[in-house]
Amino acid sequence: MCAKRPAIQAITFDLWDTLLIDDSDEPKRAAQGLAPKCVERRNLVQKFIERHEPISRELVDPAYDTADAAFRQVWYGQNVTWTVRERLSVLLKGLGRNLPGPELDDLVRLHEDMELTVRPDLAAGVVEVLGNLQGKYRMGVVSDAIFSPGRALRQLLADYNILQFFDGFVFSDEVGCAKPNIGVFEAAAAALGAELGQIVHIGDREQKDVEGAYAAGARSILCTVVKDRGSQNTKADAICRSFEDLPIILEQLNHQ
């Protein structure tokens, strides 16, 4: 007979397309007459460089695209997310341009805070389920930081008045590695004061959230509340299609 698994003591949540709806800020930006984020980032780079010397958009766009491609290669290939400063430094070096330190600081900040200026939406049922689970489990956030760093992501959660539900945070720009690296989940276990076998991680991506959690010794729940990225083939312990169902799913896992 197989030994019963440890009771779940802690829950970690992915952020993008789990608790927050990625790119749900884009329609809001359009309604305000703002460019899409990907265009605005390139606008900013051109604007800052042109404070010192002219540069054509025909140079800026492919250089930015190349820096983005390099970021993705490192993210998926080495499980590391470059900081915005690192990304912009690669971009500027490729263009053979430099910015004074204070100007580079401003350019970095404008990139990092873009989703604080026009915020993405919470997924349906997030506030209610976090309130329901508070006190029953220790809860944390485990998220890869793409443009918004941990500093900005904490502010987003605070703006939505849900920061107080969480007991620990693991952001890739702060710990130096990204999911599915087991170091991310080990950092979460340390932050939450739980053993990895007592943790269930909830996220939307099979490789990063499901396989990453398993490799570290935790359990996983595939979240399809925002997007279904292939639940028919998931290896997760369970699938959460509505946050209303999450408390019951957790109870069922505890009895397996």
Protein backbone atom coordinates (compact mmCIF):
# COMPACT_ATOMS: atom_id res chain seq x y z
CA MET A 1 0.00 0.00 0.00
CA CYS A 2 1.28 3.47 -0.89
CA ALA A 3 1.97 5.79 2.02
CA LYS A 4 -0.42 8.70 2.39
CA ARG A 5 1.10 11.95 1.27
CA PRO A 6 1.68 14.75 3.80
CA ALA A 7 -1.21 17.09 4.41
CA ILE A 8 -1.10 20.31 2.44
CA GLN A 9 0.14 23.11 4.66
CA ALA A 10 0.93 25.78 2.07
CA ILE A 11 -0.25 26.95 -1.36
CA THR A 12 1.79 28.87 -3.89
CA PHE A 13 0.19 30.73 -6.77
CA ASP A 14 1.63 31.66 -10.12
CA LEU A 15 0.74 35.24 -11.02
CA TRP A 16 0.31 35.82 -14.76
CA ASP A 17 -2.76 34.09 -16.25
CA THR A 18 -3.44 32.59 -12.83
CA LEU A 19 -4.18 35.45 -10.42
CA LEU A 20 -3.73 38.26 -12.97
CA ILE A 21 -4.92 38.25 -16.59
CA ASP A 22 -1.91 38.93 -18.78
CA ASP A 23 -2.39 41.77 -21.30
CA SER A 24 -5.87 42.62 -19.99
CA ASP A 25 -4.46 46.13 -19.67
CA GLU A 26 -4.11 46.47 -23.44
CA PRO A 27 -7.79 47.33 -24.15
CA LYS A 28 -7.58 49.93 -21.37
CA ARG A 29 -4.48 51.43 -22.93
CA ALA A 30 -6.21 51.59 -26.30
CA ALA A 31 -9.25 53.30 -24.76
CA GLN A 32 -6.91 55.94 -23.31
CA GLY A 33 -5.21 56.48 -26.65
CA LEU A 34 -1.98 54.83 -25.47
CA ALA A 35 0.18 52.63 -27.66
CA PRO A 36 0.38 48.91 -26.90
CA LYS A 37 3.09 48.13 -24.35
CA CYS A 38 5.41 46.50 -26.90
CA VAL A 39 5.24 49.65 -29.07
CA GLU A 40 5.56 52.06 -26.14
CA ARG A 41 8.73 50.33 -24.93
CA ARG A 42 10.32 50.90 -28.31
CA ASN A 43 9.04 54.48 -28.34
CA LEU A 44 10.77 55.07 -25.02
CA VAL A 45 14.10 53.67 -26.17
CA GLN A 46 14.07 55.85 -29.28
CA LYS A 47 13.04 58.92 -27.29
CA PHE A 48 15.82 58.51 -24.72
CA ILE A 49 18.53 57.86 -27.31
CA GLU A 50 17.40 60.84 -29.40
CA ARG A 51 18.02 63.16 -26.48
CA HIS A 52 21.66 62.78 -27.50
CA GLU A 53 21.72 61.85 -31.19
CA PRO A 54 19.27 60.82 -33.91
CA ILE A 55 18.39 57.15 -34.40
CA SER A 56 15.95 55.62 -36.84
CA ARG A 57 13.11 53.32 -35.85
CA GLU A 58 14.46 50.89 -38.44
CA LEU A 59 17.39 50.36 -36.10
CA VAL A 60 15.51 50.40 -32.78
CA ASP A 61 12.84 47.84 -33.64
CA PRO A 62 15.07 44.94 -34.77
CA ALA A 63 17.48 45.61 -31.91
CA TYR A 64 14.61 45.43 -29.41
CA ASP A 65 13.29 42.29 -31.09
CA THR A 66 16.74 40.70 -30.83
CA ALA A 67 17.04 41.58 -27.13
CA ASP A 68 13.59 40.08 -26.53
CA ALA A 69 14.59 36.89 -28.36
CA ALA A 70 17.76 36.64 -26.27
CA PHE A 71 15.70 37.11 -23.11
CA ARG A 72 13.38 34.25 -24.07
CA GLN A 73 16.32 32.00 -24.92
CA VAL A 74 17.83 32.52 -21.48
CA TRP A 75 14.43 32.30 -19.76
CA TYR A 76 13.54 28.94 -21.27
CA GLY A 77 17.03 27.59 -21.81
CA GLN A 78 18.65 28.55 -18.51
CA ASN A 79 15.61 29.28 -16.28
CA VAL A 80 16.77 32.84 -15.66
CA THR A 81 14.88 36.08 -16.28
CA TRP A 82 17.13 39.01 -17.05
CA THR A 83 16.20 42.18 -15.21
CA VAL A 84 14.90 45.10 -17.27
CA ARG A 85 18.24 46.84 -16.71
CA GLU A 86 20.08 43.83 -18.14
CA ARG A 87 17.73 43.67 -21.13
CA LEU A 88 18.12 47.36 -21.91
CA SER A 89 21.88 47.19 -21.45
CA VAL A 90 22.06 44.39 -24.04
CA LEU A 91 19.84 46.42 -26.37
CA LEU A 92 21.91 49.60 -26.05
CA LYS A 93 25.15 47.71 -26.48
CA GLY A 94 23.80 46.15 -29.66
CA LEU A 95 22.95 49.61 -30.97
CA GLY A 96 26.34 50.96 -29.94
CA ARG A 97 24.69 53.65 -27.81
CA ASN A 98 25.01 54.70 -24.17
CA LEU A 99 22.79 56.63 -21.78
CA PRO A 100 23.92 58.57 -18.71
CA GLY A 101 23.25 56.65 -15.49
CA PRO A 102 20.26 58.74 -14.32
CA GLU A 103 18.62 58.51 -17.75
CA LEU A 104 19.07 54.74 -17.86
CA ASP A 105 17.52 54.61 -14.39
CA ASP A 106 14.49 56.52 -15.70
CA LEU A 107 14.17 54.31 -18.77
CA VAL A 108 14.30 51.18 -16.61
CA ARG A 109 11.68 52.56 -14.22
CA LEU A 110 9.29 53.49 -17.05
CA HIS A 111 9.53 49.93 -18.37
CA GLU A 112 9.09 48.36 -14.95
CA ASP A 113 6.13 50.53 -13.92
CA MET A 114 4.13 50.35 -17.16
CA GLU A 115 1.66 47.85 -15.69
CA LEU A 116 1.26 50.02 -12.59
CA THR A 117 0.19 52.96 -14.75
CA VAL A 118 -2.50 50.91 -16.52
CA ARG A 119 -3.20 47.79 -14.48
CA PRO A 120 -4.16 44.31 -15.67
CA ASP A 121 -7.30 42.69 -14.27
CA LEU A 122 -7.57 40.08 -11.57
CA ALA A 123 -8.87 36.68 -12.65
CA ALA A 124 -12.47 35.97 -11.70
CA GLY A 125 -12.95 34.84 -8.11
CA VAL A 126 -9.42 35.65 -6.86
CA VAL A 127 -10.41 37.92 -3.97
CA GLU A 128 -13.09 35.54 -2.75
CA VAL A 129 -10.95 32.41 -2.83
CA LEU A 130 -7.99 34.04 -1.11
CA GLY A 131 -10.28 35.24 1.66
CA ASN A 132 -11.76 31.77 1.97
CA LEU A 133 -8.35 30.08 2.21
CA GLN A 134 -6.70 32.60 4.53
CA GLY A 135 -5.92 31.03 7.90
CA LYS A 136 -6.38 27.50 6.55
CA TYR A 137 -3.13 27.40 4.59
CA ARG A 138 -0.01 29.51 4.37
CA MET A 139 -0.06 31.19 0.98
CA GLY A 140 2.60 32.55 -1.30
CA VAL A 141 3.23 33.90 -4.79
CA VAL A 142 5.79 32.29 -7.09
CA SER A 143 6.18 34.25 -10.31
CA ASP A 144 8.63 34.81 -13.13
CA ALA A 145 9.27 38.53 -13.63
CA ILE A 146 9.25 39.53 -17.30
CA PHE A 147 9.06 43.33 -17.36
CA SER A 148 7.40 44.02 -14.00
CA PRO A 149 9.86 43.14 -11.21
CA GLY A 150 8.94 41.86 -7.77
CA ARG A 151 8.77 45.45 -6.51
CA ALA A 152 6.09 46.35 -9.05
CA LEU A 153 4.22 43.06 -8.67
CA ARG A 154 3.91 43.56 -4.92
CA GLN A 155 2.52 47.01 -5.62
CA LEU A 156 -0.05 45.55 -8.04
CA LEU A 157 -1.20 43.09 -5.39
CA ALA A 158 -1.38 45.89 -2.84
CA ASP A 159 -3.39 48.06 -5.23
CA TYR A 160 -5.94 45.26 -5.47
CA ASN A 161 -5.91 44.85 -1.67
CA ILE A 162 -4.82 41.22 -1.79
CA LEU A 163 -1.18 41.57 -0.74
CA GLN A 164 -2.14 40.87 2.87
CA PHE A 165 -3.34 37.36 2.00
CA PHE A 166 0.19 36.15 1.26
CA ASP A 167 2.88 35.01 3.68
CA GLY A 168 5.76 34.84 1.22
CA PHE A 169 6.86 35.92 -2.25
CA VAL A 170 9.33 34.43 -4.71
CA PHE A 171 10.01 36.53 -7.80
CA SER A 172 12.58 35.39 -10.33
CA ASP A 173 14.36 38.74 -10.51
CA GLU A 174 14.97 38.55 -6.76
CA VAL A 175 16.04 34.91 -6.38
CA GLY A 176 18.16 34.70 -9.53
CA CYS A 177 16.34 31.81 -11.16
CA ALA A 178 12.97 31.13 -12.77
CA LYS A 179 10.50 28.26 -12.89
CA PRO A 180 10.89 25.31 -13.37
CA ASN A 181 14.24 25.56 -11.54
CA ILE A 182 13.78 23.75 -8.24
CA GLY A 183 15.52 26.63 -6.47
CA VAL A 184 12.36 28.69 -6.96
CA PHE A 185 10.24 26.16 -5.11
CA GLU A 186 12.87 25.64 -2.43
CA ALA A 187 12.82 29.40 -1.83
CA ALA A 188 9.03 29.26 -1.55
CA ALA A 189 9.21 26.44 0.99
CA ALA A 190 11.68 28.44 3.07
CA ALA A 191 9.54 31.57 2.87
CA LEU A 192 6.42 29.71 3.95
CA GLY A 193 8.03 27.52 6.60
CA ALA A 194 6.83 24.31 4.96
CA GLU A 195 8.35 21.16 3.53
CA LEU A 196 8.14 20.83 -0.24
CA GLY A 197 5.94 17.77 0.15
CA GLN A 198 3.44 19.92 2.08
CA ILE A 199 3.11 22.48 -0.73
CA VAL A 200 0.77 22.55 -3.71
CA HIS A 201 1.61 24.98 -6.50
CA ILE A 202 -1.13 26.43 -8.72
CA GLY A 203 -0.33 27.75 -12.17
CA ASP A 204 -1.27 27.73 -15.84
CA ARG A 205 1.85 26.30 -17.55
CA GLU A 206 2.62 22.58 -17.68
CA GLN A 207 6.40 22.85 -17.93
CA LYS A 208 6.94 25.67 -15.48
CA ASP A 209 4.16 25.16 -12.93
CA VAL A 210 3.32 21.46 -13.05
CA GLU A 211 6.60 19.79 -13.98
CA GLY A 212 8.58 22.35 -12.00
CA ALA A 213 6.60 21.66 -8.83
CA TYR A 214 6.93 17.89 -9.28
CA ALA A 215 10.67 18.07 -9.82
CA ALA A 216 10.98 19.92 -6.53
CA GLY A 217 8.82 17.40 -4.65
CA ALA A 218 5.65 19.52 -4.40
CA ARG A 219 2.18 18.84 -5.74
CA SER A 220 0.53 20.87 -8.48
CA ILE A 221 -2.83 22.09 -9.70
CA LEU A 222 -3.16 23.25 -13.29
CA CYS A 223 -5.18 26.47 -13.39
CA THR A 224 -7.37 27.02 -16.46
CA VAL A 225 -9.42 29.91 -15.02
CA VAL A 226 -7.86 32.36 -17.50
CA LYS A 227 -6.45 30.08 -20.24
CA ASP A 228 -6.47 26.36 -20.89
CA ARG A 229 -2.98 25.58 -22.15
CA GLY A 230 -3.54 21.84 -22.60
CA SER A 231 -5.39 20.42 -19.62
CA GLN A 232 -6.29 17.28 -21.56
CA ASN A 233 -2.65 16.16 -21.32
CA THR A 234 -1.68 17.51 -17.92
CA LYS A 235 0.21 15.53 -15.32
CA ALA A 236 -1.09 17.77 -12.54
CA ASP A 237 -2.73 16.33 -9.42
CA ALA A 238 -5.88 18.29 -10.25
CA ILE A 239 -7.29 20.94 -12.58
CA CYS A 240 -8.89 24.15 -11.31
CA ARG A 241 -11.30 25.58 -13.87
CA SER A 242 -12.95 28.01 -11.43
CA PHE A 243 -11.51 29.47 -8.24
CA GLU A 244 -14.86 28.76 -6.61
CA ASP A 245 -13.89 25.08 -6.77
CA LEU A 246 -10.39 25.45 -5.34
CA PRO A 247 -11.20 24.86 -1.62
CA ILE A 248 -12.92 21.58 -2.50
CA ILE A 249 -10.05 20.52 -4.77
CA LEU A 250 -7.59 21.10 -1.93
CA GLU A 251 -9.71 19.07 0.48
CA GLN A 252 -9.87 16.21 -2.01
CA LEU A 253 -6.09 16.26 -2.49
CA ASN A 254 -5.63 16.08 1.27
CA HIS A 255 -7.59 12.83 1.35
CA GLN A 256 -5.64 11.12 -1.42
